[in-house]
PDB file of N, CA and C in Angstrom:
ATOM      1  N   MET A   1      -0.313  25.180  -7.302  1.00  0.00           N
ATOM      2  CA  MET A   1       0.560  24.532  -8.255  1.00  0.00           C
ATOM      3  C   MET A   1      -0.271  23.824  -9.309  1.00  0.00           C
ATOM      4  N   ASP A   2       0.191  23.873 -10.510  1.00  0.00           N
ATOM      5  CA  ASP A   2      -0.502  23.228 -11.610  1.00  0.00           C
ATOM      6  C   ASP A   2       0.083  21.826 -11.822  1.00  0.00           C
ATOM      7  N   TYR A   3      -0.778  20.822 -11.887  1.00  0.00           N
ATOM      8  CA  TYR A   3      -0.355  19.450 -12.101  1.00  0.00           C
ATOM      9  C   TYR A   3      -1.030  18.915 -13.354  1.00  0.00           C
ATOM     10  N   PRO A   4      -0.343  18.956 -14.510  1.00  0.00           N
ATOM     11  CA  PRO A   4      -0.968  18.487 -15.750  1.00  0.00           C
ATOM     12  C   PRO A   4      -1.193  16.983 -15.723  1.00  0.00           C
ATOM     13  N   LYS A   5      -2.305  16.535 -16.283  1.00  0.00           N
ATOM     14  CA  LYS A   5      -2.607  15.109 -16.334  1.00  0.00           C
ATOM     15  C   LYS A   5      -2.422  14.530 -17.737  1.00  0.00           C
ATOM     16  N   ASP A   6      -1.985  15.330 -18.699  1.00  0.00           N
ATOM     17  CA  ASP A   6      -1.906  14.840 -20.071  1.00  0.00           C
ATOM     18  C   ASP A   6      -0.479  14.718 -20.603  1.00  0.00           C
ATOM     19  N   ASN A   7       0.518  14.761 -19.738  1.00  0.00           N
ATOM     20  CA  ASN A   7       1.900  14.641 -20.147  1.00  0.00           C
ATOM     21  C   ASN A   7       2.434  13.327 -19.581  1.00  0.00           C
ATOM     22  N   TYR A   8       2.480  12.261 -20.390  1.00  0.00           N
ATOM     23  CA  TYR A   8       2.807  10.937 -19.896  1.00  0.00           C
ATOM     24  C   TYR A   8       4.267  10.583 -20.133  1.00  0.00           C
ATOM     25  N   LYS A   9       4.909  10.051 -19.087  1.00  0.00           N
ATOM     26  CA  LYS A   9       6.254   9.504 -19.183  1.00  0.00           C
ATOM     27  C   LYS A   9       6.275   8.241 -18.342  1.00  0.00           C
ATOM     28  N   GLU A  10       6.869   7.192 -18.881  1.00  0.00           N
ATOM     29  CA  GLU A  10       6.905   5.923 -18.171  1.00  0.00           C
ATOM     30  C   GLU A  10       8.066   5.897 -17.176  1.00  0.00           C
ATOM     31  N   VAL A  11       7.780   5.419 -15.969  1.00  0.00           N
ATOM     32  CA  VAL A  11       8.821   5.234 -14.957  1.00  0.00           C
ATOM     33  C   VAL A  11       9.370   3.830 -15.159  1.00  0.00           C
ATOM     34  N   LYS A  12      10.657   3.735 -15.448  1.00  0.00           N
ATOM     35  CA  LYS A  12      11.234   2.437 -15.817  1.00  0.00           C
ATOM     36  C   LYS A  12      12.082   1.792 -14.726  1.00  0.00           C
ATOM     37  N   ASN A  13      12.503   2.524 -13.740  1.00  0.00           N
ATOM     38  CA  ASN A  13      13.425   1.979 -12.733  1.00  0.00           C
ATOM     39  C   ASN A  13      12.697   1.535 -11.467  1.00  0.00           C
ATOM     40  N   LEU A  14      11.626   0.755 -11.621  1.00  0.00           N
ATOM     41  CA  LEU A  14      10.858   0.279 -10.465  1.00  0.00           C
ATOM     42  C   LEU A  14      11.566  -0.873  -9.774  1.00  0.00           C
ATOM     43  N   LYS A  15      11.546  -0.847  -8.447  1.00  0.00           N
ATOM     44  CA  LYS A  15      12.064  -1.947  -7.647  1.00  0.00           C
ATOM     45  C   LYS A  15      10.901  -2.485  -6.828  1.00  0.00           C
ATOM     46  N   ILE A  16      10.606  -3.763  -7.005  1.00  0.00           N
ATOM     47  CA  ILE A  16       9.466  -4.379  -6.324  1.00  0.00           C
ATOM     48  C   ILE A  16       9.977  -5.304  -5.226  1.00  0.00           C
ATOM     49  N   ASP A  17       9.540  -5.064  -3.996  1.00  0.00           N
ATOM     50  CA  ASP A  17       9.881  -5.904  -2.855  1.00  0.00           C
ATOM     51  C   ASP A  17       8.598  -6.589  -2.399  1.00  0.00           C
ATOM     52  N   LYS A  18       8.409  -7.836  -2.827  1.00  0.00           N
ATOM     53  CA  LYS A  18       7.174  -8.556  -2.515  1.00  0.00           C
ATOM     54  C   LYS A  18       7.051  -8.866  -1.027  1.00  0.00           C
ATOM     55  N   ASN A  19       8.178  -9.021  -0.325  1.00  0.00           N
ATOM     56  CA  ASN A  19       8.131  -9.316   1.112  1.00  0.00           C
ATOM     57  C   ASN A  19       7.573  -8.151   1.911  1.00  0.00           C
ATOM     58  N   LYS A  20       7.867  -6.919   1.478  1.00  0.00           N
ATOM     59  CA  LYS A  20       7.374  -5.743   2.182  1.00  0.00           C
ATOM     60  C   LYS A  20       6.152  -5.139   1.503  1.00  0.00           C
ATOM     61  N   SER A  21       5.688  -5.746   0.421  1.00  0.00           N
ATOM     62  CA  SER A  21       4.543  -5.239  -0.353  1.00  0.00           C
ATOM     63  C   SER A  21       4.746  -3.771  -0.725  1.00  0.00           C
ATOM     64  N   GLN A  22       5.913  -3.491  -1.316  1.00  0.00           N
ATOM     65  CA  GLN A  22       6.174  -2.115  -1.693  1.00  0.00           C
ATOM     66  C   GLN A  22       6.914  -2.020  -3.016  1.00  0.00           C
ATOM     67  N   ILE A  23       6.735  -0.877  -3.657  1.00  0.00           N
ATOM     68  CA  ILE A  23       7.400  -0.557  -4.911  1.00  0.00           C
ATOM     69  C   ILE A  23       8.119   0.759  -4.701  1.00  0.00           C
ATOM     70  N   THR A  24       9.378   0.836  -5.129  1.00  0.00           N
ATOM     71  CA  THR A  24      10.142   2.073  -4.987  1.00  0.00           C
ATOM     72  C   THR A  24      10.735   2.472  -6.331  1.00  0.00           C
ATOM     73  N   SER A  25      10.993   3.751  -6.465  1.00  0.00           N
ATOM     74  CA  SER A  25      11.612   4.283  -7.667  1.00  0.00           C
ATOM     75  C   SER A  25      12.126   5.684  -7.375  1.00  0.00           C
ATOM     76  N   THR A  26      12.898   6.215  -8.281  1.00  0.00           N
ATOM     77  CA  THR A  26      13.294   7.614  -8.212  1.00  0.00           C
ATOM     78  C   THR A  26      12.848   8.285  -9.501  1.00  0.00           C
ATOM     79  N   VAL A  27      12.477   9.539  -9.391  1.00  0.00           N
ATOM     80  CA  VAL A  27      12.067  10.314 -10.558  1.00  0.00           C
ATOM     81  C   VAL A  27      12.760  11.667 -10.511  1.00  0.00           C
ATOM     82  N   ASP A  28      13.008  12.206 -11.682  1.00  0.00           N
ATOM     83  CA  ASP A  28      13.578  13.547 -11.797  1.00  0.00           C
ATOM     84  C   ASP A  28      12.683  14.295 -12.786  1.00  0.00           C
ATOM     85  N   LEU A  29      11.813  15.160 -12.263  1.00  0.00           N
ATOM     86  CA  LEU A  29      10.794  15.813 -13.079  1.00  0.00           C
ATOM     87  C   LEU A  29      11.128  17.275 -13.321  1.00  0.00           C
ATOM     88  N   LYS A  30      10.894  17.705 -14.540  1.00  0.00           N
ATOM     89  CA  LYS A  30      11.137  19.114 -14.890  1.00  0.00           C
ATOM     90  C   LYS A  30       9.946  19.992 -14.582  1.00  0.00           C
ATOM     91  N   GLU A  31       8.789  19.345 -14.315  1.00  0.00           N
ATOM     92  CA  GLU A  31       7.588  20.101 -13.964  1.00  0.00           C
ATOM     93  C   GLU A  31       6.736  19.275 -13.016  1.00  0.00           C
ATOM     94  N   ASN A  32       5.796  19.921 -12.346  1.00  0.00           N
ATOM     95  CA  ASN A  32       4.863  19.216 -11.477  1.00  0.00           C
ATOM     96  C   ASN A  32       4.116  18.182 -12.303  1.00  0.00           C
ATOM     97  N   SER A  33       3.921  17.001 -11.739  1.00  0.00           N
ATOM     98  CA  SER A  33       3.318  15.904 -12.493  1.00  0.00           C
ATOM     99  C   SER A  33       2.415  15.056 -11.605  1.00  0.00           C
ATOM    100  N   TYR A  34       1.740  14.127 -12.238  1.00  0.00           N
ATOM    101  CA  TYR A  34       0.979  13.091 -11.549  1.00  0.00           C
ATOM    102  C   TYR A  34       1.672  11.773 -11.788  1.00  0.00           C
ATOM    103  N   LEU A  35       1.778  10.938 -10.770  1.00  0.00           N
ATOM    104  CA  LEU A  35       2.199   9.568 -10.968  1.00  0.00           C
ATOM    105  C   LEU A  35       0.909   8.758 -11.011  1.00  0.00           C
ATOM    106  N   ILE A  36       0.684   8.105 -12.117  1.00  0.00           N
ATOM    107  CA  ILE A  36      -0.533   7.314 -12.310  1.00  0.00           C
ATOM    108  C   ILE A  36      -0.117   5.861 -12.467  1.00  0.00           C
ATOM    109  N   THR A  37      -0.663   5.001 -11.622  1.00  0.00           N
ATOM    110  CA  THR A  37      -0.324   3.576 -11.664  1.00  0.00           C
ATOM    111  C   THR A  37      -1.395   2.797 -12.420  1.00  0.00           C
ATOM    112  N   SER A  38      -1.117   1.525 -12.612  1.00  0.00           N
ATOM    113  CA  SER A  38      -2.131   0.631 -13.186  1.00  0.00           C
ATOM    114  C   SER A  38      -2.794  -0.200 -12.092  1.00  0.00           C
ATOM    115  N   PHE A  39      -2.536   0.162 -10.815  1.00  0.00           N
ATOM    116  CA  PHE A  39      -3.158  -0.542  -9.689  1.00  0.00           C
ATOM    117  C   PHE A  39      -4.557   0.007  -9.458  1.00  0.00           C
ATOM    118  N   PRO A  40      -5.553  -0.866  -9.327  1.00  0.00           N
ATOM    119  CA  PRO A  40      -6.880  -0.362  -8.955  1.00  0.00           C
ATOM    120  C   PRO A  40      -6.788   0.323  -7.587  1.00  0.00           C
ATOM    121  N   TYR A  41      -7.435   1.454  -7.449  1.00  0.00           N
ATOM    122  CA  TYR A  41      -7.374   2.212  -6.197  1.00  0.00           C
ATOM    123  C   TYR A  41      -7.938   1.384  -5.055  1.00  0.00           C
ATOM    124  N   ASP A  42      -7.242   1.404  -3.930  1.00  0.00           N
ATOM    125  CA  ASP A  42      -7.668   0.712  -2.719  1.00  0.00           C
ATOM    126  C   ASP A  42      -7.151   1.528  -1.541  1.00  0.00           C
ATOM    127  N   GLN A  43      -7.922   1.584  -0.465  1.00  0.00           N
ATOM    128  CA  GLN A  43      -7.511   2.367   0.697  1.00  0.00           C
ATOM    129  C   GLN A  43      -6.277   1.805   1.379  1.00  0.00           C
ATOM    130  N   GLY A  44      -5.895   0.583   1.060  1.00  0.00           N
ATOM    131  CA  GLY A  44      -4.715  -0.027   1.667  1.00  0.00           C
ATOM    132  C   GLY A  44      -3.401   0.507   1.119  1.00  0.00           C
ATOM    133  N   PHE A  45      -3.436   1.246   0.007  1.00  0.00           N
ATOM    134  CA  PHE A  45      -2.219   1.814  -0.563  1.00  0.00           C
ATOM    135  C   PHE A  45      -1.822   3.098   0.160  1.00  0.00           C
ATOM    136  N   LYS A  46      -0.542   3.246   0.428  1.00  0.00           N
ATOM    137  CA  LYS A  46       0.024   4.484   0.958  1.00  0.00           C
ATOM    138  C   LYS A  46       1.135   4.906   0.006  1.00  0.00           C
ATOM    139  N   ALA A  47       1.153   6.187  -0.331  1.00  0.00           N
ATOM    140  CA  ALA A  47       2.169   6.719  -1.230  1.00  0.00           C
ATOM    141  C   ALA A  47       3.090   7.650  -0.462  1.00  0.00           C
ATOM    142  N   TYR A  48       4.378   7.571  -0.777  1.00  0.00           N
ATOM    143  CA  TYR A  48       5.382   8.393  -0.102  1.00  0.00           C
ATOM    144  C   TYR A  48       6.285   9.055  -1.130  1.00  0.00           C
ATOM    145  N   ILE A  49       6.597  10.315  -0.898  1.00  0.00           N
ATOM    146  CA  ILE A  49       7.592  11.036  -1.678  1.00  0.00           C
ATOM    147  C   ILE A  49       8.657  11.481  -0.693  1.00  0.00           C
ATOM    148  N   ASP A  50       9.890  11.041  -0.929  1.00  0.00           N
ATOM    149  CA  ASP A  50      11.010  11.346  -0.025  1.00  0.00           C
ATOM    150  C   ASP A  50      10.665  10.987   1.426  1.00  0.00           C
ATOM    151  N   ASP A  51      10.044   9.820   1.607  1.00  0.00           N
ATOM    152  CA  ASP A  51       9.652   9.264   2.916  1.00  0.00           C
ATOM    153  C   ASP A  51       8.578  10.063   3.649  1.00  0.00           C
ATOM    154  N   ASN A  52       7.906  10.977   2.958  1.00  0.00           N
ATOM    155  CA  ASN A  52       6.772  11.706   3.532  1.00  0.00           C
ATOM    156  C   ASN A  52       5.498  11.219   2.852  1.00  0.00           C
ATOM    157  N   GLU A  53       4.512  10.812   3.653  1.00  0.00           N
ATOM    158  CA  GLU A  53       3.267  10.312   3.074  1.00  0.00           C
ATOM    159  C   GLU A  53       2.538  11.437   2.344  1.00  0.00           C
ATOM    160  N   VAL A  54       2.025  11.113   1.159  1.00  0.00           N
ATOM    161  CA  VAL A  54       1.258  12.074   0.366  1.00  0.00           C
ATOM    162  C   VAL A  54      -0.135  11.504   0.124  1.00  0.00           C
ATOM    163  N   LYS A  55      -1.058  12.390  -0.196  1.00  0.00           N
ATOM    164  CA  LYS A  55      -2.434  11.981  -0.431  1.00  0.00           C
ATOM    165  C   LYS A  55      -2.542  11.306  -1.793  1.00  0.00           C
ATOM    166  N   SER A  56      -2.997  10.068  -1.781  1.00  0.00           N
ATOM    167  CA  SER A  56      -3.254   9.379  -3.045  1.00  0.00           C
ATOM    168  C   SER A  56      -4.725   9.567  -3.393  1.00  0.00           C
ATOM    169  N   GLU A  57      -5.035   9.347  -4.672  1.00  0.00           N
ATOM    170  CA  GLU A  57      -6.406   9.558  -5.115  1.00  0.00           C
ATOM    171  C   GLU A  57      -6.749   8.635  -6.267  1.00  0.00           C
ATOM    172  N   ILE A  58      -8.022   8.585  -6.579  1.00  0.00           N
ATOM    173  CA  ILE A  58      -8.491   7.808  -7.718  1.00  0.00           C
ATOM    174  C   ILE A  58      -8.267   8.642  -8.976  1.00  0.00           C
ATOM    175  N   VAL A  59      -7.556   8.076  -9.951  1.00  0.00           N
ATOM    176  CA  VAL A  59      -7.330   8.766 -11.219  1.00  0.00           C
ATOM    177  C   VAL A  59      -7.785   7.869 -12.363  1.00  0.00           C
ATOM    178  N   ASN A  60      -8.121   8.478 -13.485  1.00  0.00           N
ATOM    179  CA  ASN A  60      -8.594   7.739 -14.662  1.00  0.00           C
ATOM    180  C   ASN A  60      -9.731   6.786 -14.297  1.00  0.00           C
ATOM    181  N   THR A  61     -10.596   7.211 -13.435  1.00  0.00           N
ATOM    182  CA  THR A  61     -11.825   6.556 -12.952  1.00  0.00           C
ATOM    183  C   THR A  61     -11.624   5.343 -12.048  1.00  0.00           C
ATOM    184  N   ALA A  62     -10.408   4.788 -11.926  1.00  0.00           N
ATOM    185  CA  ALA A  62     -10.289   3.589 -11.103  1.00  0.00           C
ATOM    186  C   ALA A  62      -8.904   3.317 -10.527  1.00  0.00           C
ATOM    187  N   PHE A  63      -7.902   4.095 -10.886  1.00  0.00           N
ATOM    188  CA  PHE A  63      -6.536   3.720 -10.551  1.00  0.00           C
ATOM    189  C   PHE A  63      -5.910   4.628  -9.496  1.00  0.00           C
ATOM    190  N   LEU A  64      -4.852   4.118  -8.870  1.00  0.00           N
ATOM    191  CA  LEU A  64      -4.122   4.856  -7.847  1.00  0.00           C
ATOM    192  C   LEU A  64      -3.205   5.879  -8.500  1.00  0.00           C
ATOM    193  N   GLY A  65      -3.236   7.101  -7.982  1.00  0.00           N
ATOM    194  CA  GLY A  65      -2.350   8.140  -8.479  1.00  0.00           C
ATOM    195  C   GLY A  65      -2.126   9.186  -7.409  1.00  0.00           C
ATOM    196  N   PHE A  66      -1.103  10.016  -7.619  1.00  0.00           N
ATOM    197  CA  PHE A  66      -0.835  11.101  -6.676  1.00  0.00           C
ATOM    198  C   PHE A  66       0.053  12.142  -7.344  1.00  0.00           C
ATOM    199  N   LYS A  67       0.002  13.339  -6.781  1.00  0.00           N
ATOM    200  CA  LYS A  67       0.777  14.459  -7.309  1.00  0.00           C
ATOM    201  C   LYS A  67       2.237  14.334  -6.897  1.00  0.00           C
ATOM    202  N   VAL A  68       3.123  14.691  -7.827  1.00  0.00           N
ATOM    203  CA  VAL A  68       4.556  14.687  -7.558  1.00  0.00           C
ATOM    204  C   VAL A  68       5.108  16.042  -8.010  1.00  0.00           C
ATOM    205  N   PRO A  69       5.718  16.797  -7.098  1.00  0.00           N
ATOM    206  CA  PRO A  69       6.259  18.106  -7.491  1.00  0.00           C
ATOM    207  C   PRO A  69       7.522  17.949  -8.341  1.00  0.00           C
ATOM    208  N   LYS A  70       7.851  19.001  -9.066  1.00  0.00           N
ATOM    209  CA  LYS A  70       9.052  18.939  -9.903  1.00  0.00           C
ATOM    210  C   LYS A  70      10.290  18.745  -9.043  1.00  0.00           C
ATOM    211  N   GLY A  71      11.325  18.170  -9.655  1.00  0.00           N
ATOM    212  CA  GLY A  71      12.567  17.910  -8.950  1.00  0.00           C
ATOM    213  C   GLY A  71      12.843  16.419  -8.854  1.00  0.00           C
ATOM    214  N   LYS A  72      13.939  16.075  -8.178  1.00  0.00           N
ATOM    215  CA  LYS A  72      14.326  14.680  -8.006  1.00  0.00           C
ATOM    216  C   LYS A  72      13.745  14.162  -6.696  1.00  0.00           C
ATOM    217  N   HIS A  73      13.051  13.013  -6.781  1.00  0.00           N
ATOM    218  CA  HIS A  73      12.366  12.469  -5.606  1.00  0.00           C
ATOM    219  C   HIS A  73      12.472  10.949  -5.562  1.00  0.00           C
ATOM    220  N   LYS A  74      12.428  10.428  -4.337  1.00  0.00           N
ATOM    221  CA  LYS A  74      12.309   8.989  -4.108  1.00  0.00           C
ATOM    222  C   LYS A  74      10.824   8.704  -3.896  1.00  0.00           C
ATOM    223  N   ILE A  75      10.281   7.816  -4.695  1.00  0.00           N
ATOM    224  CA  ILE A  75       8.862   7.454  -4.640  1.00  0.00           C
ATOM    225  C   ILE A  75       8.738   6.063  -4.024  1.00  0.00           C
ATOM    226  N   LYS A  76       7.762   5.902  -3.139  1.00  0.00           N
ATOM    227  CA  LYS A  76       7.499   4.587  -2.552  1.00  0.00           C
ATOM    228  C   LYS A  76       5.991   4.396  -2.457  1.00  0.00           C
ATOM    229  N   ILE A  77       5.532   3.226  -2.886  1.00  0.00           N
ATOM    230  CA  ILE A  77       4.120   2.849  -2.759  1.00  0.00           C
ATOM    231  C   ILE A  77       4.087   1.565  -1.942  1.00  0.00           C
ATOM    232  N   VAL A  78       3.328   1.592  -0.854  1.00  0.00           N
ATOM    233  CA  VAL A  78       3.247   0.451   0.062  1.00  0.00           C
ATOM    234  C   VAL A  78       1.793   0.004   0.138  1.00  0.00           C
ATOM    235  N   TYR A  79       1.592  -1.318   0.147  1.00  0.00           N
ATOM    236  CA  TYR A  79       0.230  -1.834   0.293  1.00  0.00           C
ATOM    237  C   TYR A  79       0.141  -2.670   1.551  1.00  0.00           C
ATOM    238  N   LYS A  80      -0.861  -2.376   2.354  1.00  0.00           N
ATOM    239  CA  LYS A  80      -1.158  -3.183   3.536  1.00  0.00           C
ATOM    240  C   LYS A  80      -2.671  -3.329   3.591  1.00  0.00           C
ATOM    241  N   SER A  81      -3.115  -4.561   3.548  1.00  0.00           N
ATOM    242  CA  SER A  81      -4.544  -4.838   3.579  1.00  0.00           C
ATOM    243  C   SER A  81      -5.170  -4.223   4.825  1.00  0.00           C
ATOM    244  N   ILE A  82      -6.301  -3.578   4.649  1.00  0.00           N
ATOM    245  CA  ILE A  82      -6.955  -2.884   5.759  1.00  0.00           C
ATOM    246  C   ILE A  82      -7.343  -3.847   6.877  1.00  0.00           C
ATOM    247  N   GLY A  83      -7.775  -5.050   6.561  1.00  0.00           N
ATOM    248  CA  GLY A  83      -8.198  -6.005   7.583  1.00  0.00           C
ATOM    249  C   GLY A  83      -7.100  -6.939   8.049  1.00  0.00           C
ATOM    250  N   TYR A  84      -5.860  -6.679   7.678  1.00  0.00           N
ATOM    251  CA  TYR A  84      -4.745  -7.577   7.994  1.00  0.00           C
ATOM    252  C   TYR A  84      -4.559  -7.784   9.500  1.00  0.00           C
ATOM    253  N   LYS A  85      -4.427  -6.707  10.253  1.00  0.00           N
ATOM    254  CA  LYS A  85      -4.197  -6.821  11.700  1.00  0.00           C
ATOM    255  C   LYS A  85      -5.390  -7.467  12.405  1.00  0.00           C
ATOM    256  N   LEU A  86      -6.587  -7.055  12.015  1.00  0.00           N
ATOM    257  CA  LEU A  86      -7.781  -7.641  12.622  1.00  0.00           C
ATOM    258  C   LEU A  86      -7.855  -9.136  12.329  1.00  0.00           C
ATOM    259  N   GLY A  87      -7.498  -9.536  11.117  1.00  0.00           N
ATOM    260  CA  GLY A  87      -7.490 -10.953  10.751  1.00  0.00           C
ATOM    261  C   GLY A  87      -6.522 -11.760  11.598  1.00  0.00           C
ATOM    262  N   ILE A  88      -5.348 -11.216  11.839  1.00  0.00           N
ATOM    263  CA  ILE A  88      -4.353 -11.911  12.676  1.00  0.00           C
ATOM    264  C   ILE A  88      -4.873 -12.043  14.112  1.00  0.00           C
ATOM    265  N   ILE A  89      -5.423 -10.969  14.645  1.00  0.00           N
ATOM    266  CA  ILE A  89      -5.947 -10.987  16.018  1.00  0.00           C
ATOM    267  C   ILE A  89      -7.066 -12.015  16.157  1.00  0.00           C
ATOM    268  N   LEU A  90      -8.006 -12.004  15.219  1.00  0.00           N
ATOM    269  CA  LEU A  90      -9.112 -12.960  15.283  1.00  0.00           C
ATOM    270  C   LEU A  90      -8.637 -14.401  15.110  1.00  0.00           C
ATOM    271  N   SER A  91      -7.630 -14.626  14.275  1.00  0.00           N
ATOM    272  CA  SER A  91      -7.076 -15.972  14.105  1.00  0.00           C
ATOM    273  C   SER A  91      -6.438 -16.462  15.393  1.00  0.00           C
ATOM    274  N   ILE A  92      -5.675 -15.605  16.066  1.00  0.00           N
ATOM    275  CA  ILE A  92      -5.043 -15.986  17.336  1.00  0.00           C
ATOM    276  C   ILE A  92      -6.100 -16.288  18.394  1.00  0.00           C
ATOM    277  N   ILE A  93      -7.132 -15.456  18.467  1.00  0.00           N
ATOM    278  CA  ILE A  93      -8.229 -15.700  19.423  1.00  0.00           C
ATOM    279  C   ILE A  93      -8.909 -17.033  19.129  1.00  0.00           C
ATOM    280  N   GLY A  94      -9.111 -17.336  17.847  1.00  0.00           N
ATOM    281  CA  GLY A  94      -9.737 -18.602  17.459  1.00  0.00           C
ATOM    282  C   GLY A  94      -8.908 -19.808  17.857  1.00  0.00           C
ATOM    283  N   VAL A  95      -7.605 -19.748  17.604  1.00  0.00           N
ATOM    284  CA  VAL A  95      -6.716 -20.860  17.960  1.00  0.00           C
ATOM    285  C   VAL A  95      -6.660 -21.033  19.476  1.00  0.00           C
ATOM    286  N   LEU A  96      -6.516 -19.937  20.217  1.00  0.00           N
ATOM    287  CA  LEU A  96      -6.496 -20.032  21.679  1.00  0.00           C
ATOM    288  C   LEU A  96      -7.817 -20.585  22.216  1.00  0.00           C
ATOM    289  N   SER A  97      -8.924 -20.169  21.641  1.00  0.00           N
ATOM    290  CA  SER A  97     -10.236 -20.683  22.070  1.00  0.00           C
ATOM    291  C   SER A  97     -10.340 -22.185  21.839  1.00  0.00           C
ATOM    292  N   MET A  98      -9.840 -22.663  20.706  1.00  0.00           N
ATOM    293  CA  MET A  98      -9.871 -24.107  20.416  1.00  0.00           C
ATOM    294  C   MET A  98      -9.008 -24.875  21.419  1.00  0.00           C
ATOM    295  N   ILE A  99      -7.834 -24.352  21.731  1.00  0.00           N
ATOM    296  CA  ILE A  99      -6.951 -25.022  22.689  1.00  0.00           C
ATOM    297  C   ILE A  99      -7.620 -25.086  24.053  1.00  0.00           C
ATOM    298  N   ILE A 100      -8.195 -23.990  24.496  1.00  0.00           N
ATOM    299  CA  ILE A 100      -8.890 -23.959  25.794  1.00  0.00           C
ATOM    300  C   ILE A 100     -10.063 -24.936  25.796  1.00  0.00           C
ATOM    301  N   LEU A 101     -10.830 -24.964  24.726  1.00  0.00           N
ATOM    302  CA  LEU A 101     -11.976 -25.873  24.624  1.00  0.00           C
ATOM    303  C   LEU A 101     -11.522 -27.329  24.653  1.00  0.00           C
ATOM    304  N   LEU A 102     -10.455 -27.646  23.924  1.00  0.00           N
ATOM    305  CA  LEU A 102      -9.938 -29.021  23.920  1.00  0.00           C
ATOM    306  C   LEU A 102      -9.425 -29.422  25.307  1.00  0.00           C
ATOM    307  N   LEU A 103      -8.723 -28.528  25.981  1.00  0.00           N
ATOM    308  CA  LEU A 103      -8.243 -28.822  27.335  1.00  0.00           C
ATOM    309  C   LEU A 103      -9.407 -29.019  28.301  1.00  0.00           C
ATOM    310  N   TYR A 104     -10.431 -28.178  28.183  1.00  0.00           N
ATOM    311  CA  TYR A 104     -11.608 -28.275  29.031  1.00  0.00           C
ATOM    312  C   TYR A 104     -12.329 -29.605  28.800  1.00  0.00           C
ATOM    313  N   GLU A 105     -12.524 -30.002  27.538  1.00  0.00           N
ATOM    314  CA  GLU A 105     -13.204 -31.266  27.222  1.00  0.00           C
ATOM    315  C   GLU A 105     -12.368 -32.452  27.693  1.00  0.00           C
ATOM    316  N   ASN A 106     -11.054 -32.363  27.572  1.00  0.00           N
ATOM    317  CA  ASN A 106     -10.175 -33.436  28.003  1.00  0.00           C
ATOM    318  C   ASN A 106     -10.253 -33.641  29.518  1.00  0.00           C
ATOM    319  N   ARG A 107     -10.273 -32.548  30.284  1.00  0.00           N
ATOM    320  CA  ARG A 107     -10.393 -32.637  31.741  1.00  0.00           C
ATOM    321  C   ARG A 107     -11.776 -33.132  32.160  1.00  0.00           C
ATOM    322  N   LYS A 108     -12.777 -32.723  31.413  1.00  0.00           N
ATOM    323  CA  LYS A 108     -14.160 -33.115  31.716  1.00  0.00           C
ATOM    324  C   LYS A 108     -14.336 -34.623  31.573  1.00  0.00           C
ATOM    325  N   ARG A 109     -13.673 -35.242  30.599  1.00  0.00           N
ATOM    326  CA  ARG A 109     -13.770 -36.682  30.374  1.00  0.00           C
ATOM    327  C   ARG A 109     -13.092 -37.481  31.475  1.00  0.00           C
ATOM    328  N   LYS A 110     -12.055 -36.906  32.106  1.00  0.00           N
ATOM    329  CA  LYS A 110     -11.324 -37.620  33.171  1.00  0.00           C
ATOM    330  C   LYS A 110     -12.078 -37.492  34.428  1.00  0.00           C
TER     331      LYS A 110
END
């Protein structure tokens, strides 16, 4: 399939949900196209077309983009920080360690 990169059309019906870190829209394309964002490319972005994950890539040397086939589609872009889960786990371990240490020191003093 041919995906031209020089035919630009602005997507105007974006819906941004900051709580879920996602952007959704619908597009109706007459030909295969690229969706090119102004977001700097990051591995934490996932792109979906009709709820199926698609391969995103670096376009225009630094930005997130992906191929969109012709037709009407629901587009969704979701961002989740790569270290998010690890950060939560390490924070919980740190808090539990502090509680255990404080309890241990408190018993040691008595």
